[in-house]
Protein backbone atom coordinates (compact mmCIF):
# COMPACT_ATOMS: atom_id res chain seq x y z
CA MET A 1 131.99 14.32 -23.34
CA SER A 2 130.87 17.57 -24.90
CA GLY A 3 129.11 15.79 -27.81
CA SER A 4 127.09 13.36 -25.70
CA ARG A 5 123.39 13.73 -25.01
CA GLY A 6 121.45 12.93 -21.90
CA PRO A 7 118.73 10.25 -21.82
CA ASP A 8 115.97 12.88 -21.96
CA ASP A 9 117.23 14.64 -25.13
CA ARG A 10 115.11 12.37 -27.32
CA HIS A 11 111.97 13.84 -25.72
CA ARG A 12 112.87 17.22 -27.19
CA LEU A 13 111.84 15.88 -30.58
CA ARG A 14 108.27 16.79 -31.55
CA VAL A 15 105.96 14.97 -33.95
CA ILE A 16 103.80 17.30 -36.05
CA PRO A 17 101.09 15.91 -38.38
CA THR A 18 100.61 17.70 -41.71
CA TRP A 19 98.73 17.10 -44.95
CA ARG A 20 100.44 17.29 -48.35
CA HIS A 21 98.56 16.62 -51.60
CA GLY A 22 95.78 14.91 -49.67
CA GLN A 23 98.10 12.54 -47.77
CA GLU A 24 99.10 12.67 -44.10
CA ARG A 25 102.74 12.99 -43.11
CA LEU A 26 104.15 13.07 -39.59
CA TYR A 27 107.18 15.34 -39.34
CA VAL A 28 109.75 14.94 -36.56
CA CYS A 29 111.48 18.15 -35.59
CA HIS A 30 113.57 19.76 -32.86
CA GLU A 31 112.29 22.47 -30.58
CA ASP A 32 113.82 25.07 -32.91
CA GLY A 33 111.62 23.76 -35.75
CA ARG A 34 114.38 21.95 -37.66
CA ASN A 35 113.02 18.82 -39.38
CA VAL A 36 115.01 15.63 -38.90
CA ALA A 37 112.60 13.06 -40.41
CA TRP A 38 109.09 12.39 -41.66
CA TYR A 39 106.86 9.33 -41.52
CA ASP A 40 104.81 8.46 -44.57
CA ARG A 41 102.15 6.17 -43.10
CA GLU A 42 100.71 5.10 -46.45
CA ALA A 43 104.13 4.06 -47.79
CA GLY A 44 105.19 2.58 -44.42
CA ARG A 45 108.46 4.50 -44.51
CA VAL A 46 110.38 6.75 -42.12
CA ASN A 47 112.56 9.13 -44.14
CA LEU A 48 115.63 10.30 -42.21
CA LEU A 49 117.23 13.70 -42.76
CA SER A 50 119.58 13.10 -39.81
CA GLU A 51 120.77 9.48 -39.71
CA GLY A 52 122.74 10.05 -36.50
CA GLU A 53 119.43 10.50 -34.62
CA GLN A 54 117.67 7.40 -35.92
CA ASP A 55 117.08 5.80 -32.50
CA ASP A 56 115.66 9.01 -31.03
CA ILE A 57 113.46 9.59 -34.09
CA LEU A 58 111.98 6.09 -33.93
CA HIS A 59 111.38 6.52 -30.20
CA ALA A 60 109.49 9.77 -30.81
CA LEU A 61 107.42 8.16 -33.59
CA GLY A 62 106.73 5.01 -31.57
CA PRO A 63 103.12 5.88 -30.59
CA PHE A 64 102.29 6.73 -34.22
CA LEU A 65 103.75 3.72 -36.06
CA THR A 66 101.01 1.43 -37.37
CA GLY A 67 103.17 -1.53 -38.40
CA PRO A 68 106.58 -2.48 -39.80
CA VAL A 69 108.37 0.41 -41.48
CA MET A 70 111.31 0.92 -43.78
CA VAL A 71 113.87 3.38 -42.42
CA GLY A 72 116.39 5.31 -44.47
CA PRO A 73 117.14 8.52 -46.36
CA PRO A 74 114.39 9.94 -48.59
CA PRO A 75 114.11 8.15 -51.95
CA VAL A 76 115.48 9.90 -55.01
CA PRO A 77 112.60 11.79 -56.66
CA THR A 78 111.37 10.63 -60.06
CA PRO A 79 111.35 13.06 -63.02
CA ALA A 80 107.59 13.51 -62.50
CA GLU A 81 108.10 14.38 -58.84
CA LEU A 82 110.86 16.84 -59.74
CA ALA A 83 108.54 18.52 -62.25
CA ARG A 84 105.86 18.82 -59.58
CA LEU A 85 108.30 20.24 -57.02
CA THR A 86 109.43 22.96 -59.44
CA LEU A 87 105.86 23.91 -60.38
CA HIS A 88 104.78 27.36 -59.18
CA PRO A 89 101.69 27.17 -56.92
CA ASP A 90 99.75 29.50 -59.25
CA ASP A 91 100.28 27.03 -62.12
CA ASP A 92 99.40 23.89 -60.16
CA LEU A 93 95.88 22.63 -60.95
CA ALA A 94 96.02 19.68 -58.53
CA PRO A 95 94.53 21.64 -55.58
CA ASN A 96 91.45 22.59 -57.64
CA ARG A 97 88.22 21.48 -56.00
CA PRO A 98 85.46 19.92 -58.10
CA GLY A 99 83.63 22.86 -59.67
CA GLU A 100 86.44 25.26 -58.72
CA ALA A 101 85.66 27.81 -61.44
CA LEU A 102 81.94 27.85 -60.57
CA LEU A 103 82.68 28.16 -56.86
CA ILE A 104 84.87 31.21 -57.47
CA ALA A 105 82.34 32.84 -59.82
CA LEU A 106 79.39 32.27 -57.48
CA ASP A 107 81.29 33.48 -54.42
CA ARG A 108 82.38 36.61 -56.28
CA GLU A 109 78.81 37.48 -57.25
CA ALA A 110 77.10 36.47 -54.00
CA ALA A 111 77.69 39.77 -52.22
CA HIS A 112 75.80 41.91 -54.77
CA ALA A 113 73.52 39.40 -56.50
CA HIS A 114 69.73 39.65 -56.09
CA ARG A 115 68.25 36.86 -58.15
CA LEU A 116 64.54 36.18 -58.21
CA ARG A 117 65.15 32.70 -59.60
CA PRO A 118 67.69 30.08 -58.58
CA ASP A 119 71.00 30.43 -60.38
CA PRO A 120 71.28 27.53 -62.87
CA ARG A 121 75.00 27.39 -62.15
CA ARG A 122 74.15 25.99 -58.70
CA ARG A 123 72.87 22.81 -60.31
CA ALA A 124 75.91 22.61 -62.54
CA LEU A 125 78.09 23.00 -59.46
CA THR A 126 76.21 20.21 -57.67
CA ALA A 127 76.83 17.91 -60.64
CA GLU A 128 80.56 18.67 -60.75
CA GLN A 129 80.89 18.20 -57.00
CA THR A 130 78.95 14.91 -57.03
CA VAL A 131 80.99 13.49 -59.90
CA GLY A 132 84.27 14.96 -58.65
CA GLU A 133 83.92 13.50 -55.17
CA THR A 134 83.28 10.07 -56.68
CA LEU A 135 86.39 10.37 -58.86
CA ASP A 136 88.53 11.55 -55.94
CA ARG A 137 87.71 8.33 -54.11
CA LEU A 138 89.48 6.38 -56.88
CA ASP A 139 92.83 7.90 -55.90
CA GLY A 140 93.81 4.91 -53.77
CA ALA A 141 93.39 2.61 -56.76
CA GLY A 142 96.25 4.21 -58.66
CA TRP A 143 94.22 6.96 -60.35
CA HIS A 144 94.59 10.74 -60.27
CA ALA A 145 91.72 13.20 -60.70
CA LEU A 146 92.12 16.82 -61.78
CA HIS A 147 89.18 19.23 -61.71
CA SER A 148 88.07 22.38 -63.50
CA ILE A 149 90.92 22.53 -66.01
CA PRO A 150 90.84 25.94 -67.74
CA LEU A 151 91.06 26.06 -71.53
CA PRO A 152 91.58 29.06 -73.83
CA GLY A 153 88.37 30.88 -74.69
CA GLY A 154 86.79 30.40 -71.26
CA ASP A 155 86.02 26.69 -71.68
CA ARG A 156 86.79 24.06 -69.04
CA ILE A 157 87.30 20.34 -68.78
CA HIS A 158 85.18 19.44 -65.76
CA HIS A 159 87.34 16.48 -64.70
CA LEU A 160 90.36 14.61 -66.04
CA MET A 161 91.10 11.06 -64.88
CA ILE A 162 94.53 9.49 -65.31
CA GLY A 163 95.18 5.91 -64.30
CA PRO A 164 96.07 2.36 -65.32
CA GLY A 165 93.09 2.25 -67.70
CA GLY A 166 94.13 5.38 -69.60
CA LEU A 167 92.99 9.01 -69.67
CA PHE A 168 89.39 10.22 -69.54
CA ALA A 169 87.86 13.69 -69.93
CA VAL A 170 84.67 13.66 -67.84
CA HIS A 171 81.81 16.12 -68.39
CA ALA A 172 79.33 16.28 -65.49
CA LEU A 173 75.62 16.92 -66.15
CA TYR A 174 73.00 17.57 -63.47
CA ALA A 175 70.11 15.18 -64.08
CA ARG A 176 68.60 14.61 -60.65
CA LYS A 177 65.27 12.73 -60.90
CA GLN A 178 64.99 13.53 -64.60
CA ARG A 179 64.72 11.38 -67.70
CA VAL A 180 67.69 11.57 -70.06
CA LEU A 181 67.54 10.69 -73.74
CA VAL A 182 70.77 10.40 -75.71
CA ALA A 183 70.62 10.33 -79.53
CA ASP A 184 74.15 11.12 -80.67
CA PRO A 185 75.06 13.98 -80.65
CA MET A 186 71.88 15.25 -78.98
CA VAL A 187 71.07 15.00 -75.28
CA THR A 188 67.59 15.74 -73.95
CA LEU A 189 67.19 16.38 -70.24
CA GLY A 190 63.60 16.17 -69.02
CA ARG A 191 61.49 18.69 -70.90
CA ARG A 192 64.37 21.00 -71.67
CA GLU A 193 65.53 21.89 -75.13
CA THR A 194 67.68 19.23 -76.78
CA GLN A 195 71.37 20.13 -76.97
CA PRO A 196 74.25 18.66 -79.05
CA LEU A 197 76.16 18.03 -75.83
CA LEU A 198 78.17 15.06 -77.08
CA ARG A 199 79.99 17.35 -79.52
CA ARG A 200 81.23 19.35 -76.55
CA VAL A 201 82.21 16.19 -74.66
CA ARG A 202 84.21 14.89 -77.63
CA SER A 203 85.79 18.29 -78.22
CA ASP A 204 87.04 18.44 -74.62
CA ALA A 205 88.67 15.03 -74.99
CA ASP A 206 90.23 16.00 -78.34
CA ARG A 207 91.74 19.15 -76.84
CA ALA A 208 93.09 17.16 -73.90
CA SER A 209 94.63 14.63 -76.32
CA TYR A 210 96.36 17.45 -78.16
CA ALA A 211 97.69 19.01 -74.95
CA LEU A 212 98.97 15.77 -73.45
CA THR A 213 100.00 14.07 -76.72
CA ALA A 214 98.11 10.98 -75.56
CA GLU A 215 94.72 9.46 -76.29
CA VAL A 216 91.99 10.85 -74.02
CA HIS A 217 88.56 9.20 -73.97
CA PRO A 218 85.37 11.25 -73.45
CA ILE A 219 82.81 10.45 -70.73
CA LEU A 220 79.43 12.06 -70.07
CA ALA A 221 78.68 11.56 -66.37
CA LEU A 222 75.05 12.00 -65.31
CA ALA A 223 74.42 13.01 -61.71
CA GLY A 224 71.33 11.28 -60.32
CA PRO A 225 69.08 10.63 -63.36
CA ALA A 226 65.72 8.93 -62.86
CA ASP A 227 65.99 7.15 -66.20
CA LEU A 228 68.54 6.91 -69.00
CA ARG A 229 67.76 5.92 -72.56
CA VAL A 230 70.38 5.73 -75.31
CA THR A 231 68.99 5.19 -78.82
CA ALA A 232 72.29 3.82 -80.19
CA PRO A 233 75.84 3.54 -78.82
CA PRO A 234 77.36 7.02 -79.21
CA ARG A 235 80.57 7.30 -81.20
CA GLY A 236 83.52 6.98 -78.85
CA VAL A 237 81.71 8.39 -75.78
CA ARG A 238 80.94 6.52 -72.57
CA ILE A 239 77.63 7.50 -70.92
CA LEU A 240 77.81 6.74 -67.20
CA GLN A 241 75.83 7.59 -64.10
CA ASP A 242 77.86 9.02 -61.23
CA THR A 243 77.27 5.80 -59.27
CA ASP A 244 78.94 3.78 -62.05
CA LEU A 245 82.17 5.77 -62.28
CA ALA A 246 83.98 3.46 -59.86
CA ALA A 247 83.95 0.89 -62.68
CA LEU A 248 86.91 2.78 -64.16
CA THR A 249 89.12 1.08 -61.58
CA ARG A 250 88.49 -2.23 -63.33
CA LEU A 251 90.18 -0.90 -66.45
CA GLY A 252 93.89 -1.52 -66.74
CA GLY A 253 96.73 -2.59 -68.94
CA VAL A 254 97.03 0.74 -70.76
CA LEU A 255 99.42 2.86 -68.67
CA LYS A 256 102.28 1.82 -66.41
CA PRO A 257 102.57 3.56 -63.00
CA ALA A 258 105.50 5.67 -64.22
CA ASP A 259 103.45 6.81 -67.25
CA VAL A 260 100.50 7.68 -64.99
CA GLU A 261 102.73 9.85 -62.80
CA ALA A 262 104.42 11.54 -65.76
CA LEU A 263 101.07 12.38 -67.42
CA HIS A 264 99.65 13.62 -64.11
CA ALA A 265 102.66 15.91 -63.64
CA MET A 266 102.13 17.28 -67.13
CA ALA A 267 98.36 17.67 -66.82
CA ARG A 268 98.44 19.50 -63.49
CA ASP A 269 100.59 22.27 -65.02
CA ARG A 270 98.31 25.11 -66.13
CA ARG A 271 100.77 26.02 -68.89
CA THR A 272 100.13 22.67 -70.60
CA TRP A 273 96.64 23.86 -71.55
CA GLY A 274 97.50 27.32 -72.86
CA ARG A 275 97.46 26.53 -76.60
CA VAL A 276 94.60 24.10 -77.11
């Protein structure tokens, strides 16, 4: 029969691992590069683009399957997923690394900079990276972290967390081995000049609330302080050390999974932040 295939045809399928949005996918394709399926290990699902080749696809994936799987056509995308798929890469903030804006600025100046003293932005970058890496580890608990969100006027929200417990604008502060005194709105770091930092932290959250039309709570995250003293509970602001940020996963009952995904799709769009 002209349409039949020999027993070795299934071996012409190749399995190619890729990473999309921080998650591994195993694509199954023909020698000409045409995709016929992909395996989402985290979801335990094999998505078929060619149902007539199901047996061959499962045979090719056999060494990679880690347990029982669902098999079928790809699920219909949600409105949030459709919004993400239509988002231009230049407008997508999800790939931003912690401290993205500082990394770009420091790399741009490195070639012709001759500083006699350490650049203070290096410490700020360390704080954002320390806090950001901690927040990224909460992703598996149903949370999404966005980093270095640009605002009009050159300001930035260091980190935005979206999850079952709500939305949080997180400002990272380098405080390694230093004493921190918080007397709302003032923050004193070691022997440095006292700054009204909590005003900035609250302002970031207010601007995020306006952009997302949802309540956003402010957090000041201290990276590595030797001691923290708060004279009185600050108005509406959580003061946390970077090692305590995982406690956010214990918060819940505020947003449903569909709301989390919809808000994440909105927040990752650079255009959302253009008028705040």
